[in-house]
C-alpha atoms as a PDB file:
ATOM      1  CA  UNK A   1     -22.535  24.971 -21.372  1.00  0.00           C
ATOM      2  CA  UNK A   2     -20.238  23.794 -18.586  1.00  0.00           C
ATOM      3  CA  UNK A   3     -16.491  23.644 -18.823  1.00  0.00           C
ATOM      4  CA  UNK A   4     -14.683  20.568 -17.618  1.00  0.00           C
ATOM      5  CA  UNK A   5     -11.670  21.052 -15.391  1.00  0.00           C
ATOM      6  CA  UNK A   6      -8.300  20.008 -16.756  1.00  0.00           C
ATOM      7  CA  UNK A   7      -7.569  18.287 -13.464  1.00  0.00           C
ATOM      8  CA  UNK A   8      -9.469  15.167 -12.608  1.00  0.00           C
ATOM      9  CA  UNK A   9     -10.455  14.351  -9.066  1.00  0.00           C
ATOM     10  CA  UNK A  10      -8.315  11.749  -7.380  1.00  0.00           C
ATOM     11  CA  UNK A  11      -9.928   9.410  -4.910  1.00  0.00           C
ATOM     12  CA  UNK A  12      -8.138   7.314  -2.317  1.00  0.00           C
ATOM     13  CA  UNK A  13      -8.002   3.544  -2.668  1.00  0.00           C
ATOM     14  CA  UNK A  14     -10.075   3.300   0.514  1.00  0.00           C
ATOM     15  CA  UNK A  15     -12.794   5.567  -0.917  1.00  0.00           C
ATOM     16  CA  UNK A  16     -12.916   3.539  -4.125  1.00  0.00           C
ATOM     17  CA  UNK A  17     -13.055   0.253  -2.194  1.00  0.00           C
ATOM     18  CA  UNK A  18     -15.913   1.533  -0.025  1.00  0.00           C
ATOM     19  CA  UNK A  19     -17.775   2.940  -3.033  1.00  0.00           C
ATOM     20  CA  UNK A  20     -17.508  -0.409  -4.849  1.00  0.00           C
ATOM     21  CA  UNK A  21     -18.716  -2.281  -1.773  1.00  0.00           C
ATOM     22  CA  UNK A  22     -21.677   0.081  -1.497  1.00  0.00           C
ATOM     23  CA  UNK A  23     -22.500  -0.264  -5.189  1.00  0.00           C
ATOM     24  CA  UNK A  24     -22.449  -4.055  -4.963  1.00  0.00           C
ATOM     25  CA  UNK A  25     -24.359  -4.393  -1.698  1.00  0.00           C
ATOM     26  CA  UNK A  26     -26.873  -1.532  -1.605  1.00  0.00           C
ATOM     27  CA  UNK A  27     -29.418  -2.807  -4.099  1.00  0.00           C
ATOM     28  CA  UNK A  28     -29.216   0.560  -5.839  1.00  0.00           C
ATOM     29  CA  UNK A  29     -28.020   1.073  -9.386  1.00  0.00           C
ATOM     30  CA  UNK A  30     -24.457   2.211  -9.945  1.00  0.00           C
ATOM     31  CA  UNK A  31     -25.819   5.523 -11.191  1.00  0.00           C
ATOM     32  CA  UNK A  32     -27.799   6.059  -7.961  1.00  0.00           C
ATOM     33  CA  UNK A  33     -24.807   5.202  -5.772  1.00  0.00           C
ATOM     34  CA  UNK A  34     -22.556   7.445  -7.844  1.00  0.00           C
ATOM     35  CA  UNK A  35     -24.999  10.325  -7.498  1.00  0.00           C
ATOM     36  CA  UNK A  36     -25.200   9.751  -3.713  1.00  0.00           C
ATOM     37  CA  UNK A  37     -21.393   9.806  -3.458  1.00  0.00           C
ATOM     38  CA  UNK A  38     -20.861  12.706  -5.853  1.00  0.00           C
ATOM     39  CA  UNK A  39     -18.770  10.718  -8.329  1.00  0.00           C
ATOM     40  CA  UNK A  40     -19.303  10.049 -11.999  1.00  0.00           C
ATOM     41  CA  UNK A  41     -21.304   6.921 -12.840  1.00  0.00           C
ATOM     42  CA  UNK A  42     -18.707   6.003 -15.474  1.00  0.00           C
ATOM     43  CA  UNK A  43     -15.936   6.222 -12.902  1.00  0.00           C
ATOM     44  CA  UNK A  44     -17.793   4.070 -10.389  1.00  0.00           C
ATOM     45  CA  UNK A  45     -18.618   1.507 -13.098  1.00  0.00           C
ATOM     46  CA  UNK A  46     -14.918   1.321 -13.919  1.00  0.00           C
ATOM     47  CA  UNK A  47     -14.018   0.796 -10.264  1.00  0.00           C
ATOM     48  CA  UNK A  48     -16.619  -1.962  -9.936  1.00  0.00           C
ATOM     49  CA  UNK A  49     -15.397  -3.631 -13.121  1.00  0.00           C
ATOM     50  CA  UNK A  50     -11.760  -3.502 -11.957  1.00  0.00           C
ATOM     51  CA  UNK A  51     -12.708  -4.836  -8.510  1.00  0.00           C
ATOM     52  CA  UNK A  52     -14.390  -7.814 -10.154  1.00  0.00           C
ATOM     53  CA  UNK A  53     -11.298  -8.460 -12.291  1.00  0.00           C
ATOM     54  CA  UNK A  54      -9.101  -8.260  -9.177  1.00  0.00           C
ATOM     55  CA  UNK A  55     -11.309 -10.906  -7.535  1.00  0.00           C
ATOM     56  CA  UNK A  56     -10.988 -13.175 -10.569  1.00  0.00           C
ATOM     57  CA  UNK A  57     -14.532 -12.512 -11.761  1.00  0.00           C
ATOM     58  CA  UNK A  58     -13.628 -10.535 -14.870  1.00  0.00           C
ATOM     59  CA  UNK A  59     -13.415 -11.555 -18.500  1.00  0.00           C
ATOM     60  CA  UNK A  60     -10.588 -13.801 -19.633  1.00  0.00           C
ATOM     61  CA  UNK A  61      -7.404 -11.870 -20.252  1.00  0.00           C
ATOM     62  CA  UNK A  62      -8.402  -8.831 -18.203  1.00  0.00           C
ATOM     63  CA  UNK A  63      -5.506  -7.425 -16.173  1.00  0.00           C
ATOM     64  CA  UNK A  64      -5.699  -7.146 -12.408  1.00  0.00           C
ATOM     65  CA  UNK A  65      -4.687  -3.888 -10.733  1.00  0.00           C
ATOM     66  CA  UNK A  66      -1.339  -5.428  -9.756  1.00  0.00           C
ATOM     67  CA  UNK A  67      -0.743  -6.546 -13.339  1.00  0.00           C
ATOM     68  CA  UNK A  68      -1.679  -3.113 -14.666  1.00  0.00           C
ATOM     69  CA  UNK A  69       0.796  -1.466 -12.284  1.00  0.00           C
ATOM     70  CA  UNK A  70       3.541  -3.924 -13.244  1.00  0.00           C
ATOM     71  CA  UNK A  71       2.855  -3.297 -16.937  1.00  0.00           C
ATOM     72  CA  UNK A  72       3.070   0.476 -16.407  1.00  0.00           C
ATOM     73  CA  UNK A  73       6.389   0.081 -14.553  1.00  0.00           C
ATOM     74  CA  UNK A  74       7.785  -2.155 -17.282  1.00  0.00           C
ATOM     75  CA  UNK A  75       6.732   0.291 -19.989  1.00  0.00           C
ATOM     76  CA  UNK A  76       8.476   3.127 -18.121  1.00  0.00           C
ATOM     77  CA  UNK A  77      11.609   0.977 -17.833  1.00  0.00           C
ATOM     78  CA  UNK A  78      11.528   0.154 -21.562  1.00  0.00           C
ATOM     79  CA  UNK A  79      11.273   3.867 -22.432  1.00  0.00           C
ATOM     80  CA  UNK A  80      14.209   4.591 -20.122  1.00  0.00           C
ATOM     81  CA  UNK A  81      16.308   1.813 -21.666  1.00  0.00           C
ATOM     82  CA  UNK A  82      15.414   2.931 -25.203  1.00  0.00           C
ATOM     83  CA  UNK A  83      16.698   6.425 -24.362  1.00  0.00           C
ATOM     84  CA  UNK A  84      19.895   4.940 -22.943  1.00  0.00           C
ATOM     85  CA  UNK A  85      20.454   2.838 -26.062  1.00  0.00           C
ATOM     86  CA  UNK A  86      19.827   5.877 -28.266  1.00  0.00           C
ATOM     87  CA  UNK A  87      22.336   7.969 -26.313  1.00  0.00           C
ATOM     88  CA  UNK A  88      24.952   5.195 -26.357  1.00  0.00           C
ATOM     89  CA  UNK A  89      24.432   4.768 -30.096  1.00  0.00           C
ATOM     90  CA  UNK A  90      25.027   8.477 -30.671  1.00  0.00           C
ATOM     91  CA  UNK A  91      28.127   8.434 -28.471  1.00  0.00           C
ATOM     92  CA  UNK A  92      29.476   5.383 -30.334  1.00  0.00           C
ATOM     93  CA  UNK A  93      28.905   7.010 -33.722  1.00  0.00           C
ATOM     94  CA  UNK A  94      30.622  10.188 -32.550  1.00  0.00           C
ATOM     95  CA  UNK A  95      33.598   8.184 -31.273  1.00  0.00           C
ATOM     96  CA  UNK A  96      33.754   6.180 -34.515  1.00  0.00           C
ATOM     97  CA  UNK A  97      33.781   9.391 -36.578  1.00  0.00           C
ATOM     98  CA  UNK A  98      36.537  10.830 -34.394  1.00  0.00           C
ATOM     99  CA  UNK A  99      38.666   7.708 -34.860  1.00  0.00           C
ATOM    100  CA  UNK A 100      38.014   7.670 -38.621  1.00  0.00           C
ATOM    101  CA  UNK A 101      38.941  11.356 -39.013  1.00  0.00           C
ATOM    102  CA  UNK A 102      42.058  11.030 -36.828  1.00  0.00           C
ATOM    103  CA  UNK A 103      43.170   7.760 -38.401  1.00  0.00           C
END
């Protein structure tokens, strides 16, 4: 039984682009190309699928890489703003209690 590493391999954008081009042009199956490159077939399939979406060849509603990145940034910003609102709410309540007690 093999143990999977907790850290996943990271591949450069250039490597992924070249791997997708090879998978689409070689006449080999994605599994064969993945084996030749030493990557997982599932990973390469995902890269090919995303490349097709980025070229406008994906299913309706699928997000391009740029849209995915923008969505991730917006989600981070929302989390940050939610924390700020929570902190300001706590500060306001503390100030209101102080005024009520003093007054």
